[in-house]
């Protein structure tokens, strides 16, 4: 007898058909759903005037987004369903939620212009995620380019766009003039998300740490945790500013790497031509 709900097919029509779904395949999806709940709760809290808790909920959603994919790989529970759910969750958590929280806190003071900025940011997030999903299917992309995102990634964009809120929590003025500036800043972040700016990700080459750097890295992590606990908004604001500065260095590193790879390709192409010429000469001698 068929049940009231459609069967859960983690791989859609293209993967193995499973009679029973292992619990490990559901865990990453549950983490993603919790992240959606955190993002939506952030919106509700913002319109209740509880802005600090609202921002914390959005940051929790960003943290969970960084976890769910890694949990899926660790449990060998990656699925097509999980990929689609994660992508849809990102639109809510990093496009809609930060934009509406920022609008409720500050952008509404810029009236229509502030609302347009929030809309532009949310739409830019959706466009950026759609482009990212399409780029995953590109089999001709050089392997080294896997170390770089194309444009500011959605989670980073969601954290960066709330920088005016962090400043507001630190005592900076919140008025109509600041709201107009924050609206312009929001549109700039939106443009960076859909831009072709190469942003270093470290996904390919950053998975291993040299032995001598392990202990310092652990100490830095502990220091960051204590800074977040003791000076939350100062630390988050400093991290956002540092990331914006990092974007320029990332673009320079990409240009340098692209130049080196092009030179390697030129040398390899020249060697191939010389080899073909040598073979042709030897055949002519024979």
Protein backbone atom coordinates (compact mmCIF):
# COMPACT_ATOMS: atom_id res chain seq x y z
CA UNK A 1 0.00 0.00 0.00
CA UNK A 2 1.40 3.37 -1.01
CA UNK A 3 2.05 5.84 1.77
CA UNK A 4 0.72 9.41 1.91
CA UNK A 5 4.09 10.90 0.94
CA UNK A 6 6.16 10.49 -2.20
CA UNK A 7 9.34 8.39 -1.68
CA UNK A 8 12.55 10.31 -1.01
CA UNK A 9 14.93 9.88 -3.96
CA UNK A 10 18.29 11.41 -2.93
CA UNK A 11 19.77 11.13 -6.44
CA UNK A 12 16.68 11.90 -8.49
CA UNK A 13 16.23 9.75 -11.55
CA UNK A 14 19.91 9.42 -12.36
CA UNK A 15 21.29 7.65 -9.28
CA UNK A 16 20.81 4.30 -7.59
CA UNK A 17 17.27 3.60 -6.47
CA UNK A 18 17.25 2.81 -2.74
CA UNK A 19 14.45 0.98 -0.98
CA UNK A 20 15.51 2.41 2.38
CA UNK A 21 17.45 5.66 2.82
CA UNK A 22 20.40 5.47 5.25
CA UNK A 23 20.15 7.96 8.10
CA UNK A 24 23.61 9.33 7.24
CA UNK A 25 22.20 10.64 3.92
CA UNK A 26 19.52 12.63 5.74
CA UNK A 27 21.80 14.28 8.34
CA UNK A 28 23.39 16.86 5.94
CA UNK A 29 19.93 17.80 4.66
CA UNK A 30 18.72 18.33 8.22
CA UNK A 31 21.67 20.68 8.84
CA UNK A 32 20.69 22.63 5.73
CA UNK A 33 17.08 22.86 6.90
CA UNK A 34 18.22 24.11 10.32
CA UNK A 35 20.25 26.78 8.49
CA UNK A 36 17.10 27.87 6.61
CA UNK A 37 15.24 28.08 9.92
CA UNK A 38 18.04 30.23 11.34
CA UNK A 39 17.95 32.61 8.37
CA UNK A 40 14.17 32.98 8.45
CA UNK A 41 14.20 33.42 12.23
CA UNK A 42 16.71 36.23 11.73
CA UNK A 43 14.17 38.05 9.54
CA UNK A 44 11.43 37.66 12.14
CA UNK A 45 13.70 38.82 14.98
CA UNK A 46 14.76 41.87 12.96
CA UNK A 47 11.16 42.98 12.52
CA UNK A 48 10.64 42.42 16.25
CA UNK A 49 13.47 44.90 16.86
CA UNK A 50 15.88 42.27 18.26
CA UNK A 51 18.62 43.13 15.79
CA UNK A 52 21.66 41.64 17.54
CA UNK A 53 19.97 38.25 17.85
CA UNK A 54 18.77 38.55 14.25
CA UNK A 55 22.31 39.11 12.95
CA UNK A 56 23.61 36.24 15.09
CA UNK A 57 21.00 33.94 13.53
CA UNK A 58 22.13 34.92 10.02
CA UNK A 59 25.77 34.29 11.01
CA UNK A 60 24.75 30.90 12.41
CA UNK A 61 23.11 30.12 9.07
CA UNK A 62 26.38 31.02 7.32
CA UNK A 63 28.31 28.74 9.69
CA UNK A 64 25.93 25.84 9.08
CA UNK A 65 26.27 26.36 5.34
CA UNK A 66 30.02 25.83 5.70
CA UNK A 67 29.36 22.62 7.66
CA UNK A 68 26.65 20.75 5.75
CA UNK A 69 28.70 20.05 2.64
CA UNK A 70 31.69 18.87 4.64
CA UNK A 71 29.47 16.62 6.76
CA UNK A 72 28.00 15.13 3.58
CA UNK A 73 31.47 14.35 2.23
CA UNK A 74 32.65 12.92 5.56
CA UNK A 75 29.61 10.64 5.79
CA UNK A 76 29.74 9.87 2.06
CA UNK A 77 26.19 11.15 1.92
CA UNK A 78 26.38 13.61 -0.99
CA UNK A 79 23.29 13.57 -3.20
CA UNK A 80 21.63 15.53 -5.99
CA UNK A 81 18.76 16.34 -3.65
CA UNK A 82 21.18 17.75 -1.08
CA UNK A 83 22.92 19.89 -3.70
CA UNK A 84 19.64 21.44 -4.84
CA UNK A 85 18.40 21.97 -1.28
CA UNK A 86 21.69 23.63 -0.30
CA UNK A 87 21.53 25.96 -3.30
CA UNK A 88 17.95 27.02 -2.50
CA UNK A 89 18.89 27.50 1.17
CA UNK A 90 21.73 29.81 0.16
CA UNK A 91 19.30 32.16 -1.59
CA UNK A 92 17.29 32.48 1.62
CA UNK A 93 20.21 32.62 4.06
CA UNK A 94 22.60 34.89 2.14
CA UNK A 95 20.33 36.86 -0.16
CA UNK A 96 16.90 37.35 1.39
CA UNK A 97 17.73 37.20 5.12
CA UNK A 98 20.71 39.63 5.22
CA UNK A 99 18.96 42.02 2.84
CA UNK A 100 15.76 42.16 4.90
CA UNK A 101 17.59 42.36 8.23
CA UNK A 102 19.66 45.26 6.89
CA UNK A 103 16.53 46.91 5.51
CA UNK A 104 14.71 46.63 8.84
CA UNK A 105 17.71 48.01 10.71
CA UNK A 106 18.86 50.83 8.44
CA UNK A 107 17.89 50.82 4.76
CA UNK A 108 14.24 51.67 5.43
CA UNK A 109 15.47 55.15 6.40
CA UNK A 110 16.47 55.58 2.74
CA UNK A 111 12.86 54.77 1.77
CA UNK A 112 12.46 53.48 -1.81
CA UNK A 113 16.17 53.60 -2.58
CA UNK A 114 16.88 51.40 0.43
CA UNK A 115 14.28 48.85 -0.65
CA UNK A 116 15.69 48.81 -4.20
CA UNK A 117 19.16 48.14 -2.75
CA UNK A 118 17.83 45.22 -0.69
CA UNK A 119 16.05 43.80 -3.77
CA UNK A 120 19.15 44.17 -5.94
CA UNK A 121 21.23 42.33 -3.36
CA UNK A 122 18.78 39.42 -3.06
CA UNK A 123 18.48 39.07 -6.85
CA UNK A 124 22.26 39.28 -7.28
CA UNK A 125 22.64 36.44 -4.78
CA UNK A 126 20.23 34.28 -6.80
CA UNK A 127 22.04 35.07 -10.05
CA UNK A 128 25.42 34.34 -8.48
CA UNK A 129 24.26 30.94 -7.20
CA UNK A 130 22.72 30.05 -10.57
CA UNK A 131 25.99 30.87 -12.33
CA UNK A 132 27.91 28.83 -9.75
CA UNK A 133 25.72 25.78 -10.36
CA UNK A 134 26.20 26.06 -14.11
CA UNK A 135 29.98 26.49 -13.72
CA UNK A 136 30.16 23.19 -11.81
CA UNK A 137 29.22 21.41 -15.03
CA UNK A 138 32.09 22.98 -17.01
CA UNK A 139 34.50 20.11 -17.67
CA UNK A 140 36.93 22.28 -19.65
CA UNK A 141 37.87 24.58 -16.76
CA UNK A 142 41.56 24.20 -15.79
CA UNK A 143 42.08 22.40 -12.49
CA UNK A 144 44.01 25.28 -10.90
CA UNK A 145 41.02 27.60 -11.39
CA UNK A 146 39.16 25.46 -8.85
CA UNK A 147 41.10 27.44 -6.23
CA UNK A 148 39.08 30.54 -7.13
CA UNK A 149 35.44 31.57 -6.99
CA UNK A 150 34.06 33.74 -9.78
CA UNK A 151 32.75 36.72 -7.87
CA UNK A 152 32.32 37.06 -4.12
CA UNK A 153 30.69 33.84 -2.83
CA UNK A 154 27.15 34.07 -1.48
CA UNK A 155 28.01 33.34 2.20
CA UNK A 156 30.73 36.00 2.19
CA UNK A 157 28.37 38.45 0.48
CA UNK A 158 25.74 37.87 3.15
CA UNK A 159 28.26 38.57 5.92
CA UNK A 160 29.80 41.58 4.16
CA UNK A 161 26.52 43.32 3.36
CA UNK A 162 25.68 43.55 7.08
CA UNK A 163 28.84 45.60 7.82
CA UNK A 164 26.75 48.78 8.42
CA UNK A 165 24.85 46.86 11.11
CA UNK A 166 28.09 45.86 12.84
CA UNK A 167 29.15 49.50 12.87
CA UNK A 168 25.75 50.48 14.25
CA UNK A 169 26.17 48.00 17.11
CA UNK A 170 29.53 49.63 17.86
CA UNK A 171 27.89 53.02 18.37
CA UNK A 172 28.22 54.60 14.92
CA UNK A 173 25.31 56.89 13.96
CA UNK A 174 22.24 55.43 12.25
CA UNK A 175 20.43 58.15 10.30
CA UNK A 176 19.08 58.99 6.84
CA UNK A 177 22.48 59.98 5.40
CA UNK A 178 24.09 56.79 6.64
CA UNK A 179 21.16 54.81 5.21
CA UNK A 180 21.79 56.25 1.73
CA UNK A 181 25.49 55.36 2.00
CA UNK A 182 24.60 51.87 3.23
CA UNK A 183 22.25 51.45 0.27
CA UNK A 184 25.07 52.30 -2.15
CA UNK A 185 27.36 49.89 -0.26
CA UNK A 186 24.72 47.15 -0.55
CA UNK A 187 24.54 47.59 -4.32
CA UNK A 188 28.36 47.50 -4.54
CA UNK A 189 28.45 44.16 -2.68
CA UNK A 190 25.71 42.88 -5.00
CA UNK A 191 27.81 43.84 -8.03
CA UNK A 192 30.86 42.11 -6.56
CA UNK A 193 28.84 38.92 -6.17
CA UNK A 194 27.88 38.77 -9.85
CA UNK A 195 31.20 40.16 -11.11
CA UNK A 196 34.02 38.15 -12.70
CA UNK A 197 36.33 39.02 -9.81
CA UNK A 198 38.46 35.96 -8.92
CA UNK A 199 38.24 35.23 -5.20
CA UNK A 200 40.64 32.72 -3.68
CA UNK A 201 38.87 29.74 -2.11
CA UNK A 202 41.69 27.27 -1.40
CA UNK A 203 39.37 24.36 -2.21
CA UNK A 204 41.94 22.54 -4.33
CA UNK A 205 45.33 23.36 -2.80
CA UNK A 206 44.25 24.48 0.67
CA UNK A 207 43.19 21.10 2.06
CA UNK A 208 46.55 20.35 3.70
CA UNK A 209 48.58 22.33 6.23
CA UNK A 210 52.36 22.10 6.57
CA UNK A 211 53.42 20.47 9.82
CA UNK A 212 55.20 23.53 11.26
CA UNK A 213 52.06 25.64 10.80
CA UNK A 214 49.67 23.31 12.63
CA UNK A 215 50.31 24.62 16.18
CA UNK A 216 50.25 28.34 15.23
CA UNK A 217 47.06 27.75 13.27
CA UNK A 218 45.42 26.13 16.30
CA UNK A 219 46.47 29.08 18.48
CA UNK A 220 45.05 31.56 15.96
CA UNK A 221 41.77 29.64 15.91
CA UNK A 222 41.53 29.70 19.72
CA UNK A 223 42.33 33.42 19.75
CA UNK A 224 39.58 34.09 17.19
CA UNK A 225 37.05 32.15 19.25
CA UNK A 226 37.86 34.17 22.37
CA UNK A 227 37.80 37.43 20.40
CA UNK A 228 34.37 36.56 19.01
CA UNK A 229 33.13 35.73 22.49
CA UNK A 230 34.56 38.89 24.11
CA UNK A 231 34.48 41.47 21.30
CA UNK A 232 31.87 40.04 18.96
CA UNK A 233 31.00 42.97 16.74
CA UNK A 234 34.50 44.45 16.70
CA UNK A 235 35.85 41.08 15.54
CA UNK A 236 33.15 40.51 12.92
CA UNK A 237 33.53 44.05 11.55
CA UNK A 238 37.33 43.69 11.41
CA UNK A 239 36.98 40.35 9.64
CA UNK A 240 34.60 41.86 7.06
CA UNK A 241 36.98 44.76 6.37
CA UNK A 242 39.93 42.37 6.14
CA UNK A 243 38.02 40.25 3.62
CA UNK A 244 37.29 43.29 1.45
CA UNK A 245 41.01 44.15 1.47
CA UNK A 246 41.81 40.50 0.71
CA UNK A 247 39.78 40.70 -2.52
CA UNK A 248 42.43 42.93 -4.11
CA UNK A 249 45.26 40.54 -3.22
CA UNK A 250 43.19 37.63 -4.50
CA UNK A 251 42.74 39.28 -7.91
CA UNK A 252 46.50 39.96 -8.12
CA UNK A 253 47.32 36.36 -7.19
CA UNK A 254 44.92 35.08 -9.86
CA UNK A 255 46.45 37.31 -12.54
CA UNK A 256 49.95 36.11 -11.57
CA UNK A 257 48.90 32.46 -11.65
CA UNK A 258 47.12 32.89 -14.99
CA UNK A 259 50.26 34.44 -16.45
CA UNK A 260 52.42 31.55 -15.21
CA UNK A 261 49.99 28.95 -16.55
CA UNK A 262 49.92 30.73 -19.93
CA UNK A 263 53.73 30.70 -20.03
CA UNK A 264 53.75 27.00 -19.21
CA UNK A 265 51.27 26.38 -22.00
CA UNK A 266 53.40 28.35 -24.44
CA UNK A 267 56.54 26.40 -23.49
CA UNK A 268 54.69 23.08 -23.69
CA UNK A 269 53.27 24.04 -27.07
CA UNK A 270 56.73 24.99 -28.33
CA UNK A 271 58.21 21.70 -27.12
CA UNK A 272 55.43 19.80 -28.90
CA UNK A 273 56.09 21.63 -32.17
CA UNK A 274 59.82 20.98 -31.88
CA UNK A 275 59.13 17.30 -31.20
CA UNK A 276 56.86 17.03 -34.25
CA UNK A 277 59.46 18.81 -36.38
CA UNK A 278 62.17 16.44 -35.14
CA UNK A 279 60.04 13.40 -35.93
CA UNK A 280 59.28 14.74 -39.39
CA UNK A 281 62.99 15.32 -40.02
CA UNK A 282 63.93 11.80 -38.91
CA UNK A 283 61.22 10.31 -41.14
CA UNK A 284 62.56 12.36 -44.07
CA UNK A 285 66.10 11.02 -43.41
CA UNK A 286 64.79 7.49 -43.46
